[in-house]
Protein backbone atom coordinates (compact mmCIF):
# COMPACT_ATOMS: atom_id res chain seq x y z
CA MET A 1 -24.64 -80.24 -58.21
CA VAL A 2 -25.77 -79.45 -54.86
CA ARG A 3 -28.06 -76.11 -53.82
CA VAL A 4 -25.86 -75.03 -51.28
CA GLY A 5 -28.36 -71.57 -50.93
CA ARG A 6 -30.00 -68.57 -53.25
CA ILE A 7 -28.88 -64.95 -53.65
CA VAL A 8 -31.70 -62.85 -51.74
CA ARG A 9 -30.64 -59.11 -52.41
CA PRO A 10 -27.65 -57.02 -52.48
CA HIS A 11 -26.23 -56.05 -49.40
CA GLY A 12 -24.64 -52.56 -49.52
CA LEU A 13 -23.03 -50.64 -52.13
CA LYS A 14 -20.08 -52.72 -52.51
CA GLY A 15 -21.01 -55.47 -54.18
CA ASP A 16 -21.86 -57.53 -50.97
CA VAL A 17 -25.19 -60.31 -51.68
CA VAL A 18 -27.55 -61.76 -48.81
CA VAL A 19 -27.25 -65.77 -49.12
CA GLU A 20 -30.47 -67.53 -47.54
CA SER A 21 -28.22 -70.82 -47.08
CA ASP A 22 -29.44 -74.64 -48.12
CA THR A 23 -26.49 -76.20 -45.95
CA ASP A 24 -25.01 -76.95 -42.09
CA PHE A 25 -22.06 -76.26 -43.53
CA GLY A 26 -22.53 -72.63 -44.14
CA ALA A 27 -18.64 -72.03 -42.43
CA THR A 28 -17.15 -74.50 -45.50
CA ARG A 29 -19.53 -73.24 -48.30
CA PHE A 30 -18.97 -69.61 -48.06
CA ARG A 31 -15.43 -69.48 -46.85
CA LYS A 32 -13.00 -67.34 -48.38
CA GLY A 33 -11.91 -68.51 -51.09
CA ALA A 34 -14.71 -71.25 -52.02
CA GLY A 35 -15.59 -71.89 -55.50
CA LEU A 36 -19.10 -71.94 -55.92
CA THR A 37 -21.20 -72.13 -58.92
CA LEU A 38 -24.03 -69.51 -59.98
CA GLU A 39 -27.01 -71.09 -61.76
CA ARG A 40 -29.78 -68.85 -63.10
CA ALA A 41 -32.23 -69.50 -66.30
CA GLY A 42 -30.22 -72.87 -67.26
CA ARG A 43 -26.67 -70.66 -67.64
CA THR A 44 -24.23 -71.32 -64.94
CA GLN A 45 -21.06 -69.43 -63.82
CA PRO A 46 -18.08 -69.75 -61.72
CA LEU A 47 -18.23 -67.40 -58.57
CA THR A 48 -14.87 -67.58 -56.35
CA VAL A 49 -16.29 -65.93 -52.79
CA ALA A 50 -13.84 -63.17 -51.67
CA ALA A 51 -15.23 -62.74 -48.24
CA SER A 52 -18.51 -63.51 -45.65
CA ARG A 53 -19.57 -63.39 -42.21
CA PRO A 54 -22.71 -65.36 -40.87
CA GLN A 55 -25.82 -63.02 -40.34
CA GLY A 56 -28.58 -64.70 -38.61
CA ASP A 57 -29.79 -67.65 -40.17
CA ARG A 58 -28.49 -66.05 -43.24
CA TRP A 59 -24.84 -65.29 -45.26
CA VAL A 60 -23.31 -61.87 -46.60
CA VAL A 61 -21.44 -62.79 -48.96
CA ARG A 62 -18.60 -60.77 -51.50
CA PHE A 63 -17.88 -62.83 -54.59
CA THR A 64 -14.23 -62.41 -56.17
CA GLY A 65 -15.54 -59.77 -59.25
CA VAL A 66 -18.69 -58.30 -57.86
CA ASP A 67 -17.84 -55.11 -56.46
CA SER A 68 -20.67 -52.21 -57.26
CA ILE A 69 -24.42 -52.34 -56.13
CA GLU A 70 -25.32 -52.46 -59.75
CA ALA A 71 -23.60 -55.86 -59.87
CA ALA A 72 -24.90 -57.50 -56.93
CA GLU A 73 -28.31 -56.64 -57.89
CA ALA A 74 -27.43 -58.91 -61.08
CA LEU A 75 -27.45 -61.67 -58.98
CA ARG A 76 -30.45 -61.75 -57.05
CA ASP A 77 -32.07 -64.54 -56.83
CA ALA A 78 -29.76 -66.84 -58.64
CA VAL A 79 -29.08 -70.39 -57.31
CA LEU A 80 -25.95 -71.20 -55.14
CA SER A 81 -24.40 -74.77 -56.04
CA ALA A 82 -21.29 -77.13 -55.27
CA PRO A 83 -19.95 -80.42 -56.38
CA GLU A 84 -21.84 -83.29 -54.96
CA THR A 85 -18.05 -84.90 -54.51
CA ALA A 86 -17.74 -81.29 -52.35
CA ARG A 87 -20.24 -82.57 -49.52
CA PRO A 88 -18.40 -83.46 -46.36
CA ALA A 89 -18.56 -86.44 -44.62
CA LEU A 90 -21.24 -87.56 -42.32
CA PRO A 91 -21.05 -89.16 -38.96
CA THR A 92 -22.44 -92.63 -39.19
CA GLY A 93 -26.25 -92.58 -38.88
CA SER A 94 -26.60 -89.35 -40.40
CA TYR A 95 -27.71 -88.74 -43.90
CA TYR A 96 -28.43 -86.34 -46.28
CA PHE A 97 -32.29 -85.48 -46.86
CA GLY A 98 -31.15 -85.60 -50.91
CA ASP A 99 -30.37 -89.09 -49.68
CA LEU A 100 -33.13 -89.87 -48.09
CA VAL A 101 -35.83 -89.12 -51.00
CA GLY A 102 -36.93 -92.39 -52.49
CA CYS A 103 -35.93 -94.72 -49.85
């Protein structure tokens, strides 16, 4: 799995959350219908993006089934990840940071 972001806090009253993105491909990772994995305290949970929009250098994301501020608050500080196989191909001569570690 590849880390793509961290849920910072709830946004509004309807279940949206602010995501601190760890990816250069936010428009792809947080698009409607995208599947992500929520990781917290050694447990994982699949989530599906219902809606999203950029807000400065962060994203405001709504997940299917998360429809209240209380449900969004329960996701605070959780890490979002995606399968490594879902990483977009990079142009020749470009590398993912994680691929360079240990070179």
